[in-house]
Each structure stands twice: as C-alpha cells, then as structure tokens.
Amino acid sequence: DKGHVAYAYKTHQKTIRTNQYRLVLHKDGGQELYNHEVDPFETRNI
C-alpha cells in the first residue's frame, strides 16, 4: 500500500520528501531539489 509525503525541519530550513523528490527550502530563500530516481544520494540540486 502507498504511504505519504514526509516532512522535516531545522530552525532555518524545512524539507518534504515524496516518492521521487526531496525539496529543501531555506529561510533565506535558498532551494534544493533532488530527484531520487536518478540521484539517490542527493548530489545534484536541480
């Protein structure tokens, strides 16, 4: 059966994890996006 998205946080950043992607938002406006289908170790910010 399917799960759901996962949410996590630090003081100045927050993230959400879906089946395919991780998005990280920074308080200063920075963004990180990783595609786990092709980049499971989160090395390329797209």
All heavy atoms as atom14 arrays in JSON, in Angstrom:
{
  "sequence": "DKGHVAYAYKTHQKTIRTNQYRLVLHKDGGQELYNHEVDPFETRNI",
  "atom14_mask": [
    [1, 1, 1, 1, 1, 1, 1, 1, 0, 0, 0, 0, 0, 0],
    [1, 1, 1, 1, 1, 1, 1, 1, 1, 0, 0, 0, 0, 0],
    [1, 1, 1, 1, 0, 0, 0, 0, 0, 0, 0, 0, 0, 0],
    [1, 1, 1, 1, 1, 1, 1, 1, 1, 1, 0, 0, 0, 0],
    [1, 1, 1, 1, 1, 1, 1, 0, 0, 0, 0, 0, 0, 0],
    [1, 1, 1, 1, 1, 0, 0, 0, 0, 0, 0, 0, 0, 0],
    [1, 1, 1, 1, 1, 1, 1, 1, 1, 1, 1, 1, 0, 0],
    [1, 1, 1, 1, 1, 0, 0, 0, 0, 0, 0, 0, 0, 0],
    [1, 1, 1, 1, 1, 1, 1, 1, 1, 1, 1, 1, 0, 0],
    [1, 1, 1, 1, 1, 1, 1, 1, 1, 0, 0, 0, 0, 0],
    [1, 1, 1, 1, 1, 1, 1, 0, 0, 0, 0, 0, 0, 0],
    [1, 1, 1, 1, 1, 1, 1, 1, 1, 1, 0, 0, 0, 0],
    [1, 1, 1, 1, 1, 1, 1, 1, 1, 0, 0, 0, 0, 0],
    [1, 1, 1, 1, 1, 1, 1, 1, 1, 0, 0, 0, 0, 0],
    [1, 1, 1, 1, 1, 1, 1, 0, 0, 0, 0, 0, 0, 0],
    [1, 1, 1, 1, 1, 1, 1, 1, 0, 0, 0, 0, 0, 0],
    [1, 1, 1, 1, 1, 1, 1, 1, 1, 1, 1, 0, 0, 0],
    [1, 1, 1, 1, 1, 1, 1, 0, 0, 0, 0, 0, 0, 0],
    [1, 1, 1, 1, 1, 1, 1, 1, 0, 0, 0, 0, 0, 0],
    [1, 1, 1, 1, 1, 1, 1, 1, 1, 0, 0, 0, 0, 0],
    [1, 1, 1, 1, 1, 1, 1, 1, 1, 1, 1, 1, 0, 0],
    [1, 1, 1, 1, 1, 1, 1, 1, 1, 1, 1, 0, 0, 0],
    [1, 1, 1, 1, 1, 1, 1, 1, 0, 0, 0, 0, 0, 0],
    [1, 1, 1, 1, 1, 1, 1, 0, 0, 0, 0, 0, 0, 0],
    [1, 1, 1, 1, 1, 1, 1, 1, 0, 0, 0, 0, 0, 0],
    [1, 1, 1, 1, 1, 1, 1, 1, 1, 1, 0, 0, 0, 0],
    [1, 1, 1, 1, 1, 1, 1, 1, 1, 0, 0, 0, 0, 0],
    [1, 1, 1, 1, 1, 1, 1, 1, 0, 0, 0, 0, 0, 0],
    [1, 1, 1, 1, 0, 0, 0, 0, 0, 0, 0, 0, 0, 0],
    [1, 1, 1, 1, 0, 0, 0, 0, 0, 0, 0, 0, 0, 0],
    [1, 1, 1, 1, 1, 1, 1, 1, 1, 0, 0, 0, 0, 0],
    [1, 1, 1, 1, 1, 1, 1, 1, 1, 0, 0, 0, 0, 0],
    [1, 1, 1, 1, 1, 1, 1, 1, 0, 0, 0, 0, 0, 0],
    [1, 1, 1, 1, 1, 1, 1, 1, 1, 1, 1, 1, 0, 0],
    [1, 1, 1, 1, 1, 1, 1, 1, 0, 0, 0, 0, 0, 0],
    [1, 1, 1, 1, 1, 1, 1, 1, 1, 1, 0, 0, 0, 0],
    [1, 1, 1, 1, 1, 1, 1, 1, 1, 0, 0, 0, 0, 0],
    [1, 1, 1, 1, 1, 1, 1, 0, 0, 0, 0, 0, 0, 0],
    [1, 1, 1, 1, 1, 1, 1, 1, 0, 0, 0, 0, 0, 0],
    [1, 1, 1, 1, 1, 1, 1, 0, 0, 0, 0, 0, 0, 0],
    [1, 1, 1, 1, 1, 1, 1, 1, 1, 1, 1, 0, 0, 0],
    [1, 1, 1, 1, 1, 1, 1, 1, 1, 0, 0, 0, 0, 0],
    [1, 1, 1, 1, 1, 1, 1, 0, 0, 0, 0, 0, 0, 0],
    [1, 1, 1, 1, 1, 1, 1, 1, 1, 1, 1, 0, 0, 0],
    [1, 1, 1, 1, 1, 1, 1, 1, 0, 0, 0, 0, 0, 0],
    [1, 1, 1, 1, 1, 1, 1, 1, 0, 0, 0, 0, 0, 0]
  ],
  "atom14_positions": [
    [[0.84, -1.19, 0.0], [0.0, 0.0, 0.0], [0.88, 1.25, 0.0], [2.03, 1.23, 0.43], [-0.91, 0.0, 1.23], [-2.19, 0.78, 1.0], [-2.25, 1.54, 0.02], [-3.13, 0.65, 1.8], [0.0, 0.0, 0.0], [0.0, 0.0, 0.0], [0.0, 0.0, 0.0], [0.0, 0.0, 0.0], [0.0, 0.0, 0.0], [0.0, 0.0, 0.0]],
    [[0.3, 2.37, -0.45], [1.06, 3.61, -0.56], [1.19, 4.29, 0.79], [0.34, 4.18, 1.66], [0.38, 4.55, -1.55], [0.4, 4.07, -2.99], [-0.27, 5.08, -3.9], [-0.24, 4.6, -5.36], [-0.9, 5.57, -6.26], [0.0, 0.0, 0.0], [0.0, 0.0, 0.0], [0.0, 0.0, 0.0], [0.0, 0.0, 0.0], [0.0, 0.0, 0.0]],
    [[2.26, 5.04, 0.94], [2.46, 5.87, 2.12], [2.04, 7.3, 1.81], [1.04, 7.53, 1.15], [0.0, 0.0, 0.0], [0.0, 0.0, 0.0], [0.0, 0.0, 0.0], [0.0, 0.0, 0.0], [0.0, 0.0, 0.0], [0.0, 0.0, 0.0], [0.0, 0.0, 0.0], [0.0, 0.0, 0.0], [0.0, 0.0, 0.0], [0.0, 0.0, 0.0]],
    [[2.83, 8.24, 2.27], [2.5, 9.65, 2.06], [3.79, 10.46, 2.11], [4.88, 9.9, 2.33], [1.53, 10.13, 3.14], [2.0, 9.85, 4.55], [2.91, 10.63, 5.2], [1.7, 8.85, 5.41], [3.14, 10.15, 6.41], [2.42, 9.05, 6.56], [0.0, 0.0, 0.0], [0.0, 0.0, 0.0], [0.0, 0.0, 0.0], [0.0, 0.0, 0.0]],
    [[3.72, 11.76, 1.93], [4.93, 12.58, 1.96], [5.43, 12.7, 3.4], [4.67, 12.54, 4.35], [4.67, 13.98, 1.38], [4.28, 13.89, -0.08], [3.62, 14.74, 2.18], [0.0, 0.0, 0.0], [0.0, 0.0, 0.0], [0.0, 0.0, 0.0], [0.0, 0.0, 0.0], [0.0, 0.0, 0.0], [0.0, 0.0, 0.0], [0.0, 0.0, 0.0]],
    [[6.73, 12.95, 3.55], [7.35, 13.1, 4.87], [7.9, 14.51, 5.01], [8.54, 15.04, 4.09], [8.46, 12.07, 5.05], [0.0, 0.0, 0.0], [0.0, 0.0, 0.0], [0.0, 0.0, 0.0], [0.0, 0.0, 0.0], [0.0, 0.0, 0.0], [0.0, 0.0, 0.0], [0.0, 0.0, 0.0], [0.0, 0.0, 0.0], [0.0, 0.0, 0.0]],
    [[7.7, 15.08, 6.18], [8.07, 16.46, 6.47], [9.12, 16.49, 7.58], [9.05, 15.71, 8.53], [6.81, 17.2, 6.91], [6.98, 18.62, 7.41], [7.53, 19.62, 6.6], [6.55, 18.97, 8.68], [7.65, 20.92, 7.05], [6.66, 20.28, 9.14], [7.21, 21.25, 8.33], [7.32, 22.55, 8.78], [0.0, 0.0, 0.0], [0.0, 0.0, 0.0]],
    [[10.1, 17.38, 7.45], [11.12, 17.52, 8.49], [11.61, 18.96, 8.52], [11.47, 19.7, 7.54], [12.28, 16.56, 8.25], [0.0, 0.0, 0.0], [0.0, 0.0, 0.0], [0.0, 0.0, 0.0], [0.0, 0.0, 0.0], [0.0, 0.0, 0.0], [0.0, 0.0, 0.0], [0.0, 0.0, 0.0], [0.0, 0.0, 0.0], [0.0, 0.0, 0.0]],
    [[12.24, 19.31, 9.64], [12.6, 20.72, 9.81], [13.8, 20.9, 10.73], [14.08, 20.11, 11.62], [11.41, 21.5, 10.39], [10.69, 20.78, 11.51], [11.12, 20.85, 12.83], [9.58, 19.97, 11.23], [10.46, 20.18, 13.85], [8.92, 19.28, 12.24], [9.37, 19.39, 13.56], [8.72, 18.72, 14.56], [0.0, 0.0, 0.0], [0.0, 0.0, 0.0]],
    [[14.53, 21.98, 10.47], [15.51, 22.58, 11.36], [15.02, 24.0, 11.66], [13.93, 24.37, 11.21], [16.89, 22.61, 10.7], [17.57, 21.25, 10.61], [18.78, 21.27, 9.68], [19.8, 22.34, 10.02], [20.54, 22.0, 11.29], [0.0, 0.0, 0.0], [0.0, 0.0, 0.0], [0.0, 0.0, 0.0], [0.0, 0.0, 0.0], [0.0, 0.0, 0.0]],
    [[15.82, 24.77, 12.35], [15.38, 26.13, 12.68], [15.24, 27.01, 11.45], [14.28, 27.78, 11.33], [16.38, 26.79, 13.66], [16.48, 25.97, 14.84], [15.93, 28.18, 14.06], [0.0, 0.0, 0.0], [0.0, 0.0, 0.0], [0.0, 0.0, 0.0], [0.0, 0.0, 0.0], [0.0, 0.0, 0.0], [0.0, 0.0, 0.0], [0.0, 0.0, 0.0]],
    [[16.15, 26.88, 10.49], [16.15, 27.77, 9.33], [15.87, 27.07, 8.0], [15.96, 27.7, 6.95], [17.5, 28.49, 9.24], [17.81, 29.34, 10.45], [17.06, 30.44, 10.78], [18.76, 29.22, 11.42], [17.54, 30.98, 11.89], [18.57, 30.25, 12.3], [0.0, 0.0, 0.0], [0.0, 0.0, 0.0], [0.0, 0.0, 0.0], [0.0, 0.0, 0.0]],
    [[15.57, 25.79, 8.03], [15.26, 25.06, 6.8], [14.16, 24.05, 7.06], [14.02, 23.54, 8.18], [16.5, 24.33, 6.25], [17.68, 25.2, 5.92], [18.66, 25.31, 7.06], [18.56, 24.6, 8.05], [19.63, 26.21, 6.93], [0.0, 0.0, 0.0], [0.0, 0.0, 0.0], [0.0, 0.0, 0.0], [0.0, 0.0, 0.0], [0.0, 0.0, 0.0]],
    [[13.4, 23.74, 6.0], [12.36, 22.72, 6.07], [12.4, 21.9, 4.79], [12.86, 22.36, 3.76], [10.99, 23.37, 6.28], [10.94, 24.19, 7.55], [9.58, 24.69, 7.92], [9.65, 25.44, 9.26], [8.35, 25.89, 9.76], [0.0, 0.0, 0.0], [0.0, 0.0, 0.0], [0.0, 0.0, 0.0], [0.0, 0.0, 0.0], [0.0, 0.0, 0.0]],
    [[11.92, 20.65, 4.91], [12.01, 19.76, 3.75], [10.78, 18.88, 3.64], [10.11, 18.6, 4.64], [13.27, 18.88, 3.83], [13.38, 18.08, 2.64], [13.23, 17.95, 5.03], [0.0, 0.0, 0.0], [0.0, 0.0, 0.0], [0.0, 0.0, 0.0], [0.0, 0.0, 0.0], [0.0, 0.0, 0.0], [0.0, 0.0, 0.0], [0.0, 0.0, 0.0]],
    [[10.52, 18.45, 2.43], [9.46, 17.47, 2.19], [10.02, 16.4, 1.26], [10.8, 16.69, 0.35], [8.2, 18.12, 1.58], [6.99, 17.19, 1.72], [8.41, 18.59, 0.16], [5.68, 17.89, 1.52], [0.0, 0.0, 0.0], [0.0, 0.0, 0.0], [0.0, 0.0, 0.0], [0.0, 0.0, 0.0], [0.0, 0.0, 0.0], [0.0, 0.0, 0.0]],
    [[9.65, 15.16, 1.55], [10.13, 14.02, 0.75], [8.94, 13.29, 0.16], [8.03, 12.86, 0.88], [10.94, 13.08, 1.64], [11.42, 11.78, 0.98], [12.53, 12.03, -0.01], [13.32, 10.83, -0.23], [13.04, 9.87, -1.12], [11.97, 9.97, -1.9], [13.83, 8.82, -1.22], [0.0, 0.0, 0.0], [0.0, 0.0, 0.0], [0.0, 0.0, 0.0]],
    [[8.91, 13.17, -1.17], [7.9, 12.38, -1.85], [8.56, 11.1, -2.34], [9.74, 10.86, -2.1], [7.32, 13.16, -3.04], [8.32, 13.26, -4.08], [6.88, 14.57, -2.64], [0.0, 0.0, 0.0], [0.0, 0.0, 0.0], [0.0, 0.0, 0.0], [0.0, 0.0, 0.0], [0.0, 0.0, 0.0], [0.0, 0.0, 0.0], [0.0, 0.0, 0.0]],
    [[7.82, 10.27, -3.05], [8.41, 9.04, -3.58], [9.58, 9.33, -4.52], [10.53, 8.55, -4.58], [7.36, 8.23, -4.33], [6.43, 7.5, -3.39], [6.86, 6.98, -2.37], [5.15, 7.45, -3.71], [0.0, 0.0, 0.0], [0.0, 0.0, 0.0], [0.0, 0.0, 0.0], [0.0, 0.0, 0.0], [0.0, 0.0, 0.0], [0.0, 0.0, 0.0]],
    [[9.52, 10.45, -5.21], [10.56, 10.74, -6.21], [11.49, 11.88, -5.82], [12.66, 11.87, -6.19], [9.91, 11.07, -7.56], [10.92, 11.24, -8.7], [10.25, 11.39, -10.04], [9.03, 11.26, -10.16], [11.03, 11.66, -11.08], [0.0, 0.0, 0.0], [0.0, 0.0, 0.0], [0.0, 0.0, 0.0], [0.0, 0.0, 0.0], [0.0, 0.0, 0.0]],
    [[10.99, 12.85, -5.08], [11.77, 14.08, -4.87], [11.97, 14.42, -3.39], [11.18, 14.04, -2.54], [11.06, 15.27, -5.54], [10.93, 15.15, -7.03], [9.72, 14.78, -7.61], [12.02, 15.41, -7.86], [9.59, 14.67, -8.98], [11.9, 15.29, -9.24], [10.68, 14.92, -9.8], [10.56, 14.8, -11.15], [0.0, 0.0, 0.0], [0.0, 0.0, 0.0]],
    [[13.04, 15.17, -3.14], [13.21, 15.89, -1.88], [13.38, 17.36, -2.21], [14.25, 17.74, -3.01], [14.44, 15.4, -1.1], [14.68, 16.29, 0.16], [15.82, 15.82, 1.03], [15.6, 14.49, 1.56], [14.74, 14.19, 2.54], [13.96, 15.14, 3.05], [14.64, 12.96, 2.96], [0.0, 0.0, 0.0], [0.0, 0.0, 0.0], [0.0, 0.0, 0.0]],
    [[12.55, 18.19, -1.56], [12.67, 19.64, -1.65], [13.09, 20.18, -0.3], [12.53, 19.8, 0.72], [11.33, 20.27, -2.05], [11.28, 21.8, -2.04], [12.12, 22.38, -3.19], [9.85, 22.32, -2.09], [0.0, 0.0, 0.0], [0.0, 0.0, 0.0], [0.0, 0.0, 0.0], [0.0, 0.0, 0.0], [0.0, 0.0, 0.0], [0.0, 0.0, 0.0]],
    [[14.1, 21.05, -0.29], [14.53, 21.75, 0.92], [14.39, 23.24, 0.68], [14.91, 23.77, -0.31], [15.99, 21.42, 1.29], [16.39, 22.12, 2.59], [16.21, 19.92, 1.4], [0.0, 0.0, 0.0], [0.0, 0.0, 0.0], [0.0, 0.0, 0.0], [0.0, 0.0, 0.0], [0.0, 0.0, 0.0], [0.0, 0.0, 0.0], [0.0, 0.0, 0.0]],
    [[13.69, 23.93, 1.57], [13.54, 25.37, 1.5], [14.31, 26.01, 2.65], [14.16, 25.6, 3.8], [12.07, 25.78, 1.57], [11.16, 25.3, 0.43], [9.75, 25.83, 0.64], [11.69, 25.73, -0.93], [0.0, 0.0, 0.0], [0.0, 0.0, 0.0], [0.0, 0.0, 0.0], [0.0, 0.0, 0.0], [0.0, 0.0, 0.0], [0.0, 0.0, 0.0]],
    [[15.09, 27.04, 2.33], [15.87, 27.76, 3.33], [15.17, 29.07, 3.68], [14.53, 29.69, 2.83], [17.27, 28.04, 2.8], [18.09, 26.82, 2.55], [19.21, 26.51, 3.28], [17.95, 25.81, 1.65], [19.73, 25.37, 2.84], [18.98, 24.93, 1.85], [0.0, 0.0, 0.0], [0.0, 0.0, 0.0], [0.0, 0.0, 0.0], [0.0, 0.0, 0.0]],
    [[15.33, 29.49, 4.92], [14.69, 30.73, 5.38], [15.17, 31.93, 4.58], [14.43, 32.91, 4.4], [14.98, 30.93, 6.87], [14.1, 31.95, 7.55], [14.32, 31.94, 9.06], [13.38, 32.92, 9.75], [13.57, 32.89, 11.23], [0.0, 0.0, 0.0], [0.0, 0.0, 0.0], [0.0, 0.0, 0.0], [0.0, 0.0, 0.0], [0.0, 0.0, 0.0]],
    [[16.42, 31.87, 4.09], [16.97, 32.99, 3.32], [16.59, 32.94, 1.85], [17.08, 33.75, 1.05], [18.49, 33.04, 3.47], [19.19, 31.79, 2.91], [18.51, 30.94, 2.29], [20.42, 31.68, 3.09], [0.0, 0.0, 0.0], [0.0, 0.0, 0.0], [0.0, 0.0, 0.0], [0.0, 0.0, 0.0], [0.0, 0.0, 0.0], [0.0, 0.0, 0.0]],
    [[15.71, 31.99, 1.46], [15.25, 31.89, 0.08], [15.92, 30.81, -0.74], [15.49, 30.53, -1.87], [0.0, 0.0, 0.0], [0.0, 0.0, 0.0], [0.0, 0.0, 0.0], [0.0, 0.0, 0.0], [0.0, 0.0, 0.0], [0.0, 0.0, 0.0], [0.0, 0.0, 0.0], [0.0, 0.0, 0.0], [0.0, 0.0, 0.0], [0.0, 0.0, 0.0]],
    [[16.95, 30.19, -0.22], [17.62, 29.12, -0.96], [16.72, 27.9, -1.15], [15.83, 27.64, -0.34], [0.0, 0.0, 0.0], [0.0, 0.0, 0.0], [0.0, 0.0, 0.0], [0.0, 0.0, 0.0], [0.0, 0.0, 0.0], [0.0, 0.0, 0.0], [0.0, 0.0, 0.0], [0.0, 0.0, 0.0], [0.0, 0.0, 0.0], [0.0, 0.0, 0.0]],
    [[16.96, 27.17, -2.24], [16.14, 26.0, -2.56], [17.04, 24.83, -2.97], [18.05, 25.03, -3.65], [15.18, 26.31, -3.72], [14.2, 27.43, -3.43], [13.38, 27.78, -4.66], [13.77, 27.51, -5.8], [12.23, 28.4, -4.44], [0.0, 0.0, 0.0], [0.0, 0.0, 0.0], [0.0, 0.0, 0.0], [0.0, 0.0, 0.0], [0.0, 0.0, 0.0]],
    [[16.67, 23.63, -2.56], [17.33, 22.41, -3.0], [16.26, 21.45, -3.5], [15.24, 21.26, -2.84], [18.1, 21.75, -1.87], [19.21, 22.57, -1.25], [19.8, 21.9, -0.02], [20.45, 20.85, -0.17], [19.59, 22.42, 1.09], [0.0, 0.0, 0.0], [0.0, 0.0, 0.0], [0.0, 0.0, 0.0], [0.0, 0.0, 0.0], [0.0, 0.0, 0.0]],
    [[16.52, 20.84, -4.64], [15.61, 19.83, -5.18], [16.43, 18.67, -5.7], [17.36, 18.86, -6.49], [14.75, 20.42, -6.3], [13.77, 19.45, -6.97], [12.69, 18.99, -5.99], [13.12, 20.1, -8.2], [0.0, 0.0, 0.0], [0.0, 0.0, 0.0], [0.0, 0.0, 0.0], [0.0, 0.0, 0.0], [0.0, 0.0, 0.0], [0.0, 0.0, 0.0]],
    [[16.1, 17.46, -5.27], [16.81, 16.26, -5.69], [15.82, 15.24, -6.23], [14.75, 15.04, -5.66], [17.59, 15.66, -4.51], [18.54, 16.63, -3.87], [18.21, 17.26, -2.66], [19.75, 16.95, -4.47], [19.08, 18.17, -2.07], [20.62, 17.87, -3.9], [20.28, 18.47, -2.69], [21.14, 19.39, -2.12], [0.0, 0.0, 0.0], [0.0, 0.0, 0.0]],
    [[16.2, 14.61, -7.34], [15.38, 13.58, -7.97], [15.94, 12.22, -7.58], [16.99, 11.8, -8.09], [15.39, 13.76, -9.49], [14.5, 12.76, -10.2], [14.04, 11.78, -9.61], [14.25, 12.99, -11.48], [0.0, 0.0, 0.0], [0.0, 0.0, 0.0], [0.0, 0.0, 0.0], [0.0, 0.0, 0.0], [0.0, 0.0, 0.0], [0.0, 0.0, 0.0]],
    [[15.26, 11.52, -6.7], [15.78, 10.26, -6.17], [15.75, 9.12, -7.18], [16.42, 8.11, -6.98], [15.03, 9.87, -4.89], [15.62, 10.49, -3.67], [16.41, 9.8, -2.8], [15.57, 11.76, -3.2], [16.81, 10.6, -1.83], [16.32, 11.8, -2.04], [0.0, 0.0, 0.0], [0.0, 0.0, 0.0], [0.0, 0.0, 0.0], [0.0, 0.0, 0.0]],
    [[15.02, 9.27, -8.25], [15.02, 8.21, -9.27], [16.36, 8.11, -9.97], [16.78, 7.03, -10.38], [13.91, 8.47, -10.29], [12.52, 8.11, -9.78], [11.48, 8.1, -10.89], [11.83, 8.46, -12.04], [10.32, 7.76, -10.61], [0.0, 0.0, 0.0], [0.0, 0.0, 0.0], [0.0, 0.0, 0.0], [0.0, 0.0, 0.0], [0.0, 0.0, 0.0]],
    [[17.05, 9.24, -10.11], [18.34, 9.25, -10.81], [19.49, 9.71, -9.92], [20.65, 9.59, -10.31], [18.27, 10.16, -12.07], [17.28, 9.61, -13.08], [17.9, 11.6, -11.69], [0.0, 0.0, 0.0], [0.0, 0.0, 0.0], [0.0, 0.0, 0.0], [0.0, 0.0, 0.0], [0.0, 0.0, 0.0], [0.0, 0.0, 0.0], [0.0, 0.0, 0.0]],
    [[19.16, 10.22, -8.73], [20.18, 10.78, -7.84], [19.87, 10.41, -6.39], [19.52, 11.26, -5.57], [20.21, 12.31, -8.02], [21.28, 13.0, -7.18], [22.24, 12.32, -6.79], [21.11, 14.2, -6.9], [0.0, 0.0, 0.0], [0.0, 0.0, 0.0], [0.0, 0.0, 0.0], [0.0, 0.0, 0.0], [0.0, 0.0, 0.0], [0.0, 0.0, 0.0]],
    [[19.98, 9.12, -6.04], [19.57, 8.66, -4.7], [20.42, 9.22, -3.56], [19.99, 9.19, -2.41], [19.71, 7.14, -4.8], [20.71, 6.92, -5.88], [20.47, 8.01, -6.87], [0.0, 0.0, 0.0], [0.0, 0.0, 0.0], [0.0, 0.0, 0.0], [0.0, 0.0, 0.0], [0.0, 0.0, 0.0], [0.0, 0.0, 0.0], [0.0, 0.0, 0.0]],
    [[21.61, 9.73, -3.86], [22.48, 10.26, -2.81], [22.44, 11.78, -2.73], [23.26, 12.39, -2.03], [23.91, 9.75, -3.0], [24.01, 8.25, -2.97], [24.34, 7.55, -4.11], [23.73, 7.55, -1.81], [24.41, 6.16, -4.09], [23.8, 6.16, -1.78], [24.14, 5.47, -2.92], [0.0, 0.0, 0.0], [0.0, 0.0, 0.0], [0.0, 0.0, 0.0]],
    [[21.51, 12.39, -3.44], [21.26, 13.83, -3.35], [22.53, 14.65, -3.6], [22.98, 15.42, -2.76], [20.65, 14.17, -1.99], [19.32, 13.46, -1.75], [18.74, 13.71, -0.36], [19.49, 14.11, 0.55], [17.52, 13.47, -0.19], [0.0, 0.0, 0.0], [0.0, 0.0, 0.0], [0.0, 0.0, 0.0], [0.0, 0.0, 0.0], [0.0, 0.0, 0.0]],
    [[23.1, 14.47, -4.77], [24.34, 15.18, -5.11], [24.15, 16.28, -6.13], [25.03, 17.12, -6.32], [25.38, 14.18, -5.67], [24.85, 13.56, -6.85], [25.72, 13.11, -4.63], [0.0, 0.0, 0.0], [0.0, 0.0, 0.0], [0.0, 0.0, 0.0], [0.0, 0.0, 0.0], [0.0, 0.0, 0.0], [0.0, 0.0, 0.0], [0.0, 0.0, 0.0]],
    [[22.98, 16.31, -6.81], [22.76, 17.32, -7.86], [21.48, 18.1, -7.57], [20.38, 17.56, -7.66], [22.69, 16.66, -9.24], [22.52, 17.68, -10.36], [22.69, 17.03, -11.73], [22.46, 18.03, -12.78], [21.31, 18.2, -13.42], [20.29, 17.4, -13.14], [21.18, 19.13, -14.34], [0.0, 0.0, 0.0], [0.0, 0.0, 0.0], [0.0, 0.0, 0.0]],
    [[21.63, 19.36, -7.24], [20.5, 20.25, -6.97], [19.9, 20.72, -8.29], [20.56, 21.42, -9.07], [20.97, 21.44, -6.14], [19.85, 22.37, -5.75], [18.69, 22.18, -6.11], [20.18, 23.41, -4.99], [0.0, 0.0, 0.0], [0.0, 0.0, 0.0], [0.0, 0.0, 0.0], [0.0, 0.0, 0.0], [0.0, 0.0, 0.0], [0.0, 0.0, 0.0]],
    [[18.65, 20.35, -8.56], [18.0, 20.68, -9.83], [16.88, 21.7, -9.65], [16.0, 21.82, -10.5], [17.46, 19.41, -10.52], [16.44, 18.69, -9.62], [18.61, 18.47, -10.9], [15.72, 17.54, -10.32], [0.0, 0.0, 0.0], [0.0, 0.0, 0.0], [0.0, 0.0, 0.0], [0.0, 0.0, 0.0], [0.0, 0.0, 0.0], [0.0, 0.0, 0.0]]
  ]
}
